[in-house]
């Protein structure tokens, strides 16, 4: 009888260990996926910042062109004052 109890306890311990191993494997996968997601978010933020910088740069060029065009119109007396 004692041997049956020992076997039953060992069986339960093995099942618990197998469950723990599955949880550890799933946790590793989740951590890997989370790390990948964090990298993706950081990359997206960096892309957004670079895009905004491009917009500011383009707006500066547009403003310079508008200023030059205004001076040209003034010289040619084409602009209404």
Protein backbone atom coordinates (compact mmCIF):
# COMPACT_ATOMS: atom_id res chain seq x y z
CA UNK A 1 0.00 0.00 0.00
CA UNK A 2 2.83 2.35 0.91
CA UNK A 3 4.43 1.75 -2.50
CA UNK A 4 1.16 2.68 -4.23
CA UNK A 5 1.05 5.97 -2.32
CA UNK A 6 4.68 6.67 -3.22
CA UNK A 7 3.95 5.96 -6.88
CA UNK A 8 0.87 8.18 -6.77
CA UNK A 9 2.84 11.03 -5.20
CA UNK A 10 5.60 10.64 -7.79
CA UNK A 11 3.03 10.63 -10.57
CA UNK A 12 1.51 13.86 -9.25
CA UNK A 13 4.94 15.44 -8.86
CA UNK A 14 5.84 14.50 -12.43
CA UNK A 15 2.57 16.00 -13.67
CA UNK A 16 3.24 19.19 -11.71
CA UNK A 17 6.78 19.37 -13.10
CA UNK A 18 5.51 18.84 -16.66
CA UNK A 19 2.95 21.62 -16.13
CA UNK A 20 5.64 23.90 -14.77
CA UNK A 21 7.86 23.15 -17.77
CA UNK A 22 5.01 24.06 -20.15
CA UNK A 23 4.40 27.31 -18.26
CA UNK A 24 8.11 28.18 -18.40
CA UNK A 25 8.20 27.50 -22.14
CA UNK A 26 5.11 29.64 -22.71
CA UNK A 27 6.58 32.41 -20.55
CA UNK A 28 9.76 32.39 -22.65
CA UNK A 29 7.65 32.67 -25.79
CA UNK A 30 5.60 35.53 -24.33
CA UNK A 31 8.75 37.35 -23.23
CA UNK A 32 10.21 36.98 -26.71
CA UNK A 33 7.04 38.25 -28.35
CA UNK A 34 6.85 41.17 -25.90
CA UNK A 35 10.45 42.08 -26.64
CA UNK A 36 9.70 42.01 -30.37
CA UNK A 37 6.62 44.17 -29.81
CA UNK A 38 8.64 46.69 -27.80
CA UNK A 39 11.20 46.89 -30.60
CA UNK A 40 8.43 47.43 -33.13
CA UNK A 41 6.90 50.25 -31.07
CA UNK A 42 10.28 51.92 -30.64
CA UNK A 43 10.88 51.65 -34.39
CA UNK A 44 7.46 53.14 -35.12
CA UNK A 45 8.11 56.06 -32.78
CA UNK A 46 11.50 56.66 -34.40
CA UNK A 47 9.87 56.61 -37.84
CA UNK A 48 7.23 59.09 -36.67
CA UNK A 49 9.91 61.45 -35.36
CA UNK A 50 11.87 61.22 -38.61
CA UNK A 51 8.71 61.87 -40.62
CA UNK A 52 7.93 64.93 -38.50
CA UNK A 53 11.48 66.19 -39.02
CA UNK A 54 11.00 65.82 -42.77
CA UNK A 55 7.76 67.80 -42.58
CA UNK A 56 9.50 70.62 -40.68
CA UNK A 57 12.37 70.63 -43.16
CA UNK A 58 9.96 70.74 -46.12
CA UNK A 59 7.96 73.54 -44.51
CA UNK A 60 11.16 75.55 -44.06
CA UNK A 61 11.99 75.11 -47.74
CA UNK A 62 8.43 76.06 -48.73
CA UNK A 63 8.64 79.20 -46.57
CA UNK A 64 11.96 80.15 -48.19
CA UNK A 65 10.51 79.63 -51.67
CA UNK A 66 7.45 81.72 -50.81
CA UNK A 67 9.68 84.49 -49.51
CA UNK A 68 11.82 84.46 -52.66
CA UNK A 69 8.72 84.36 -54.86
CA UNK A 70 7.34 87.36 -52.99
CA UNK A 71 10.54 89.31 -53.57
CA UNK A 72 10.45 88.40 -57.26
CA UNK A 73 6.84 89.54 -57.54
CA UNK A 74 7.73 92.79 -55.79
CA UNK A 75 10.61 93.45 -58.18
CA UNK A 76 8.43 92.73 -61.19
CA UNK A 77 5.56 94.65 -59.61
CA UNK A 78 3.28 91.66 -60.01
CA UNK A 79 1.98 91.49 -56.45
CA UNK A 80 -1.05 93.39 -55.22
CA UNK A 81 -0.21 95.35 -52.09
